[in-house]
C-alpha atoms as a PDB file:
ATOM      1  CA  UNK A   1    -194.185 -69.197-133.762  1.00  0.00           C
ATOM      2  CA  UNK A   2    -193.363 -65.461-132.637  1.00  0.00           C
ATOM      3  CA  UNK A   3    -192.647 -63.263-135.981  1.00  0.00           C
ATOM      4  CA  UNK A   4    -188.874 -61.738-135.879  1.00  0.00           C
ATOM      5  CA  UNK A   5    -188.369 -57.848-134.977  1.00  0.00           C
ATOM      6  CA  UNK A   6    -188.119 -55.953-138.192  1.00  0.00           C
ATOM      7  CA  UNK A   7    -186.473 -52.620-139.276  1.00  0.00           C
ATOM      8  CA  UNK A   8    -187.801 -49.781-141.387  1.00  0.00           C
ATOM      9  CA  UNK A   9    -186.375 -46.865-143.071  1.00  0.00           C
ATOM     10  CA  UNK A  10    -187.560 -44.184-145.318  1.00  0.00           C
ATOM     11  CA  UNK A  11    -185.693 -41.755-148.229  1.00  0.00           C
ATOM     12  CA  UNK A  12    -187.234 -39.607-150.192  1.00  0.00           C
ATOM     13  CA  UNK A  13    -188.909 -39.606-153.904  1.00  0.00           C
ATOM     14  CA  UNK A  14    -190.048 -37.237-156.321  1.00  0.00           C
ATOM     15  CA  UNK A  15    -194.040 -38.508-155.149  1.00  0.00           C
ATOM     16  CA  UNK A  16    -193.387 -37.970-151.277  1.00  0.00           C
ATOM     17  CA  UNK A  17    -191.412 -40.247-148.225  1.00  0.00           C
ATOM     18  CA  UNK A  18    -191.200 -43.792-149.429  1.00  0.00           C
ATOM     19  CA  UNK A  19    -190.723 -46.184-146.419  1.00  0.00           C
ATOM     20  CA  UNK A  20    -190.134 -49.631-146.685  1.00  0.00           C
ATOM     21  CA  UNK A  21    -190.070 -52.643-143.682  1.00  0.00           C
ATOM     22  CA  UNK A  22    -188.120 -55.702-144.000  1.00  0.00           C
ATOM     23  CA  UNK A  23    -187.494 -58.799-141.711  1.00  0.00           C
ATOM     24  CA  UNK A  24    -183.870 -61.070-142.190  1.00  0.00           C
ATOM     25  CA  UNK A  25    -184.370 -63.549-144.968  1.00  0.00           C
ATOM     26  CA  UNK A  26    -183.237 -67.316-143.958  1.00  0.00           C
ATOM     27  CA  UNK A  27    -180.037 -67.472-145.920  1.00  0.00           C
ATOM     28  CA  UNK A  28    -179.125 -63.756-144.851  1.00  0.00           C
ATOM     29  CA  UNK A  29    -180.091 -60.235-146.232  1.00  0.00           C
ATOM     30  CA  UNK A  30    -183.261 -58.539-145.995  1.00  0.00           C
ATOM     31  CA  UNK A  31    -186.386 -59.551-147.551  1.00  0.00           C
ATOM     32  CA  UNK A  32    -189.556 -57.112-147.968  1.00  0.00           C
ATOM     33  CA  UNK A  33    -192.342 -57.528-145.604  1.00  0.00           C
ATOM     34  CA  UNK A  34    -194.574 -53.561-146.483  1.00  0.00           C
ATOM     35  CA  UNK A  35    -193.658 -50.813-148.666  1.00  0.00           C
ATOM     36  CA  UNK A  36    -195.366 -47.597-149.729  1.00  0.00           C
ATOM     37  CA  UNK A  37    -195.388 -43.650-149.606  1.00  0.00           C
ATOM     38  CA  UNK A  38    -195.416 -42.908-146.153  1.00  0.00           C
ATOM     39  CA  UNK A  39    -193.242 -41.295-143.891  1.00  0.00           C
ATOM     40  CA  UNK A  40    -195.079 -42.979-141.251  1.00  0.00           C
ATOM     41  CA  UNK A  41    -194.257 -47.087-139.988  1.00  0.00           C
ATOM     42  CA  UNK A  42    -197.642 -47.414-138.750  1.00  0.00           C
ATOM     43  CA  UNK A  43    -199.499 -47.050-142.002  1.00  0.00           C
ATOM     44  CA  UNK A  44    -197.801 -49.890-143.403  1.00  0.00           C
ATOM     45  CA  UNK A  45    -197.758 -52.581-140.175  1.00  0.00           C
ATOM     46  CA  UNK A  46    -201.847 -53.126-140.729  1.00  0.00           C
ATOM     47  CA  UNK A  47    -201.129 -54.335-144.216  1.00  0.00           C
ATOM     48  CA  UNK A  48    -198.558 -57.033-142.978  1.00  0.00           C
ATOM     49  CA  UNK A  49    -200.675 -60.038-142.908  1.00  0.00           C
ATOM     50  CA  UNK A  50    -200.980 -61.686-139.379  1.00  0.00           C
ATOM     51  CA  UNK A  51    -198.212 -64.263-139.990  1.00  0.00           C
ATOM     52  CA  UNK A  52    -195.720 -62.366-141.094  1.00  0.00           C
ATOM     53  CA  UNK A  53    -196.256 -58.962-138.747  1.00  0.00           C
ATOM     54  CA  UNK A  54    -193.500 -58.024-136.592  1.00  0.00           C
ATOM     55  CA  UNK A  55    -193.605 -57.877-132.567  1.00  0.00           C
ATOM     56  CA  UNK A  56    -191.746 -54.494-132.801  1.00  0.00           C
ATOM     57  CA  UNK A  57    -189.973 -52.375-135.594  1.00  0.00           C
ATOM     58  CA  UNK A  58    -186.873 -50.377-135.095  1.00  0.00           C
ATOM     59  CA  UNK A  59    -185.877 -47.832-137.064  1.00  0.00           C
ATOM     60  CA  UNK A  60    -182.533 -48.018-138.982  1.00  0.00           C
ATOM     61  CA  UNK A  61    -180.612 -45.284-140.682  1.00  0.00           C
ATOM     62  CA  UNK A  62    -180.200 -47.040-144.174  1.00  0.00           C
ATOM     63  CA  UNK A  63    -181.476 -50.087-145.410  1.00  0.00           C
ATOM     64  CA  UNK A  64    -180.216 -51.929-148.488  1.00  0.00           C
ATOM     65  CA  UNK A  65    -183.133 -52.419-150.204  1.00  0.00           C
ATOM     66  CA  UNK A  66    -183.726 -48.466-150.535  1.00  0.00           C
ATOM     67  CA  UNK A  67    -180.427 -48.533-152.992  1.00  0.00           C
ATOM     68  CA  UNK A  68    -182.572 -50.045-155.325  1.00  0.00           C
ATOM     69  CA  UNK A  69    -185.681 -47.675-154.877  1.00  0.00           C
ATOM     70  CA  UNK A  70    -182.746 -45.014-155.043  1.00  0.00           C
ATOM     71  CA  UNK A  71    -181.710 -46.097-158.058  1.00  0.00           C
ATOM     72  CA  UNK A  72    -185.327 -46.730-159.751  1.00  0.00           C
ATOM     73  CA  UNK A  73    -186.285 -43.079-159.350  1.00  0.00           C
ATOM     74  CA  UNK A  74    -182.890 -42.083-161.015  1.00  0.00           C
ATOM     75  CA  UNK A  75    -184.213 -44.355-163.812  1.00  0.00           C
ATOM     76  CA  UNK A  76    -183.121 -47.884-163.576  1.00  0.00           C
ATOM     77  CA  UNK A  77    -186.651 -49.003-163.222  1.00  0.00           C
ATOM     78  CA  UNK A  78    -185.967 -52.720-163.332  1.00  0.00           C
ATOM     79  CA  UNK A  79    -183.498 -52.162-160.214  1.00  0.00           C
ATOM     80  CA  UNK A  80    -186.350 -53.245-158.169  1.00  0.00           C
ATOM     81  CA  UNK A  81    -187.139 -56.298-159.695  1.00  0.00           C
ATOM     82  CA  UNK A  82    -185.097 -58.766-157.667  1.00  0.00           C
ATOM     83  CA  UNK A  83    -185.748 -57.288-154.514  1.00  0.00           C
ATOM     84  CA  UNK A  84    -187.422 -60.481-152.127  1.00  0.00           C
ATOM     85  CA  UNK A  85    -190.901 -60.041-150.804  1.00  0.00           C
ATOM     86  CA  UNK A  86    -192.454 -61.925-148.403  1.00  0.00           C
ATOM     87  CA  UNK A  87    -196.359 -62.193-148.280  1.00  0.00           C
ATOM     88  CA  UNK A  88    -199.147 -64.455-147.735  1.00  0.00           C
ATOM     89  CA  UNK A  89    -203.050 -65.315-148.430  1.00  0.00           C
ATOM     90  CA  UNK A  90    -204.528 -67.736-149.937  1.00  0.00           C
ATOM     91  CA  UNK A  91    -203.206 -68.562-153.187  1.00  0.00           C
ATOM     92  CA  UNK A  92    -204.704 -66.668-155.827  1.00  0.00           C
ATOM     93  CA  UNK A  93    -203.743 -63.590-154.141  1.00  0.00           C
ATOM     94  CA  UNK A  94    -199.367 -65.065-153.887  1.00  0.00           C
ATOM     95  CA  UNK A  95    -199.907 -66.217-157.348  1.00  0.00           C
ATOM     96  CA  UNK A  96    -201.122 -62.676-158.719  1.00  0.00           C
ATOM     97  CA  UNK A  97    -198.672 -60.786-156.427  1.00  0.00           C
ATOM     98  CA  UNK A  98    -195.943 -63.511-158.003  1.00  0.00           C
ATOM     99  CA  UNK A  99    -197.327 -62.551-161.977  1.00  0.00           C
ATOM    100  CA  UNK A 100    -197.236 -58.636-160.667  1.00  0.00           C
ATOM    101  CA  UNK A 101    -193.760 -58.956-161.001  1.00  0.00           C
ATOM    102  CA  UNK A 102    -194.377 -59.872-164.558  1.00  0.00           C
ATOM    103  CA  UNK A 103    -195.726 -57.262-165.958  1.00  0.00           C
ATOM    104  CA  UNK A 104    -192.913 -55.267-167.225  1.00  0.00           C
ATOM    105  CA  UNK A 105    -191.689 -51.377-166.860  1.00  0.00           C
ATOM    106  CA  UNK A 106    -193.790 -49.192-169.120  1.00  0.00           C
ATOM    107  CA  UNK A 107    -196.051 -52.005-170.490  1.00  0.00           C
ATOM    108  CA  UNK A 108    -199.018 -51.721-168.187  1.00  0.00           C
ATOM    109  CA  UNK A 109    -201.883 -54.267-168.149  1.00  0.00           C
ATOM    110  CA  UNK A 110    -205.161 -53.349-167.420  1.00  0.00           C
ATOM    111  CA  UNK A 111    -207.378 -55.679-164.706  1.00  0.00           C
ATOM    112  CA  UNK A 112    -208.667 -58.074-167.574  1.00  0.00           C
ATOM    113  CA  UNK A 113    -205.431 -58.504-169.014  1.00  0.00           C
ATOM    114  CA  UNK A 114    -203.711 -59.226-165.711  1.00  0.00           C
ATOM    115  CA  UNK A 115    -206.591 -61.739-164.549  1.00  0.00           C
ATOM    116  CA  UNK A 116    -205.684 -63.347-167.963  1.00  0.00           C
ATOM    117  CA  UNK A 117    -202.609 -63.351-167.095  1.00  0.00           C
ATOM    118  CA  UNK A 118    -203.133 -64.699-163.947  1.00  0.00           C
ATOM    119  CA  UNK A 119    -204.686 -67.446-165.291  1.00  0.00           C
ATOM    120  CA  UNK A 120    -208.252 -66.400-164.329  1.00  0.00           C
ATOM    121  CA  UNK A 121    -209.666 -63.983-167.192  1.00  0.00           C
ATOM    122  CA  UNK A 122    -212.746 -64.038-165.904  1.00  0.00           C
ATOM    123  CA  UNK A 123    -211.413 -62.889-162.030  1.00  0.00           C
ATOM    124  CA  UNK A 124    -210.573 -59.286-162.848  1.00  0.00           C
ATOM    125  CA  UNK A 125    -212.599 -58.336-159.383  1.00  0.00           C
ATOM    126  CA  UNK A 126    -210.185 -60.891-157.548  1.00  0.00           C
ATOM    127  CA  UNK A 127    -207.175 -59.447-159.719  1.00  0.00           C
ATOM    128  CA  UNK A 128    -207.975 -56.107-158.364  1.00  0.00           C
ATOM    129  CA  UNK A 129    -208.477 -57.215-155.078  1.00  0.00           C
ATOM    130  CA  UNK A 130    -204.914 -58.772-155.661  1.00  0.00           C
ATOM    131  CA  UNK A 131    -203.291 -55.148-156.675  1.00  0.00           C
ATOM    132  CA  UNK A 132    -205.374 -53.452-153.216  1.00  0.00           C
ATOM    133  CA  UNK A 133    -204.564 -55.938-151.054  1.00  0.00           C
ATOM    134  CA  UNK A 134    -200.340 -56.121-152.067  1.00  0.00           C
ATOM    135  CA  UNK A 135    -198.692 -54.583-149.008  1.00  0.00           C
ATOM    136  CA  UNK A 136    -195.007 -54.174-150.803  1.00  0.00           C
ATOM    137  CA  UNK A 137    -195.955 -51.149-153.374  1.00  0.00           C
ATOM    138  CA  UNK A 138    -193.184 -50.621-155.748  1.00  0.00           C
ATOM    139  CA  UNK A 139    -191.825 -53.850-155.476  1.00  0.00           C
ATOM    140  CA  UNK A 140    -194.607 -55.825-156.352  1.00  0.00           C
ATOM    141  CA  UNK A 141    -195.875 -52.930-158.881  1.00  0.00           C
ATOM    142  CA  UNK A 142    -199.884 -53.092-158.389  1.00  0.00           C
ATOM    143  CA  UNK A 143    -199.194 -49.797-160.101  1.00  0.00           C
ATOM    144  CA  UNK A 144    -199.075 -51.149-163.509  1.00  0.00           C
ATOM    145  CA  UNK A 145    -202.565 -52.209-163.641  1.00  0.00           C
ATOM    146  CA  UNK A 146    -205.022 -50.086-164.875  1.00  0.00           C
ATOM    147  CA  UNK A 147    -208.698 -49.305-165.604  1.00  0.00           C
ATOM    148  CA  UNK A 148    -210.104 -51.396-168.840  1.00  0.00           C
ATOM    149  CA  UNK A 149    -210.939 -47.795-170.062  1.00  0.00           C
ATOM    150  CA  UNK A 150    -207.151 -46.797-169.638  1.00  0.00           C
ATOM    151  CA  UNK A 151    -207.975 -44.695-166.400  1.00  0.00           C
ATOM    152  CA  UNK A 152    -205.947 -44.935-163.570  1.00  0.00           C
ATOM    153  CA  UNK A 153    -208.163 -47.181-161.004  1.00  0.00           C
ATOM    154  CA  UNK A 154    -206.989 -46.975-157.589  1.00  0.00           C
ATOM    155  CA  UNK A 155    -203.893 -46.963-155.559  1.00  0.00           C
ATOM    156  CA  UNK A 156    -203.682 -47.149-151.466  1.00  0.00           C
ATOM    157  CA  UNK A 157    -200.974 -44.135-151.822  1.00  0.00           C
ATOM    158  CA  UNK A 158    -202.777 -42.030-154.014  1.00  0.00           C
ATOM    159  CA  UNK A 159    -203.293 -41.580-157.816  1.00  0.00           C
ATOM    160  CA  UNK A 160    -200.695 -38.696-158.245  1.00  0.00           C
ATOM    161  CA  UNK A 161    -198.282 -41.334-157.217  1.00  0.00           C
ATOM    162  CA  UNK A 162    -199.543 -44.138-159.541  1.00  0.00           C
ATOM    163  CA  UNK A 163    -199.614 -41.337-162.313  1.00  0.00           C
ATOM    164  CA  UNK A 164    -195.766 -40.401-161.621  1.00  0.00           C
ATOM    165  CA  UNK A 165    -195.107 -44.233-161.253  1.00  0.00           C
ATOM    166  CA  UNK A 166    -196.124 -44.842-164.431  1.00  0.00           C
ATOM    167  CA  UNK A 167    -194.905 -41.584-166.480  1.00  0.00           C
ATOM    168  CA  UNK A 168    -191.412 -42.333-164.881  1.00  0.00           C
ATOM    169  CA  UNK A 169    -191.212 -45.856-166.040  1.00  0.00           C
ATOM    170  CA  UNK A 170    -192.347 -44.787-169.555  1.00  0.00           C
ATOM    171  CA  UNK A 171    -189.725 -42.201-169.700  1.00  0.00           C
ATOM    172  CA  UNK A 172    -186.912 -45.180-168.656  1.00  0.00           C
ATOM    173  CA  UNK A 173    -188.090 -48.174-169.938  1.00  0.00           C
ATOM    174  CA  UNK A 174    -185.870 -50.144-172.240  1.00  0.00           C
ATOM    175  CA  UNK A 175    -189.225 -50.288-174.385  1.00  0.00           C
ATOM    176  CA  UNK A 176    -191.466 -47.525-173.546  1.00  0.00           C
ATOM    177  CA  UNK A 177    -194.792 -47.939-174.217  1.00  0.00           C
ATOM    178  CA  UNK A 178    -196.931 -44.096-174.176  1.00  0.00           C
ATOM    179  CA  UNK A 179    -198.160 -44.035-170.568  1.00  0.00           C
ATOM    180  CA  UNK A 180    -202.246 -43.994-170.372  1.00  0.00           C
ATOM    181  CA  UNK A 181    -204.027 -40.191-170.509  1.00  0.00           C
ATOM    182  CA  UNK A 182    -206.279 -40.567-167.379  1.00  0.00           C
ATOM    183  CA  UNK A 183    -210.111 -40.716-168.168  1.00  0.00           C
ATOM    184  CA  UNK A 184    -211.993 -37.704-166.119  1.00  0.00           C
ATOM    185  CA  UNK A 185    -214.843 -39.148-163.773  1.00  0.00           C
END
């Protein structure tokens, strides 16, 4: 079965351009295949699982999902919570991506706590791998997972973007938690 065509659009955000790739969802509406802080859709397509990777993408002037991104940037940090996302991999990664969506804005987890939240407390590296392989940044908030030492850890879109996201969520979450201070290496 050939994956359908997809659409993409970009919106400006404080840490830089944010691009999203969507396709049609069964039953109507869009589902996010990939998203991240880039103005070039070519940066996103390689992270889409090969079984979901579209055969072509068309640029759209605007996509409804970007309304959620703009609401998030404006301070409604829960606006992204119900945006449909489609990712594929093995069972652990797919489960971990669902669990990532339960980490509340303003209350980041450590990789160890995230592994425990996934039901595999000794699988810290696997939990970190789930964050690294997440194609739908922001909507599957891998930025909400930190190093055990309180450091930012990695982020595909750069630690300055991760720092902005954490600070923004801490400032706007309904039960804000002080954003962690980065540990100097």
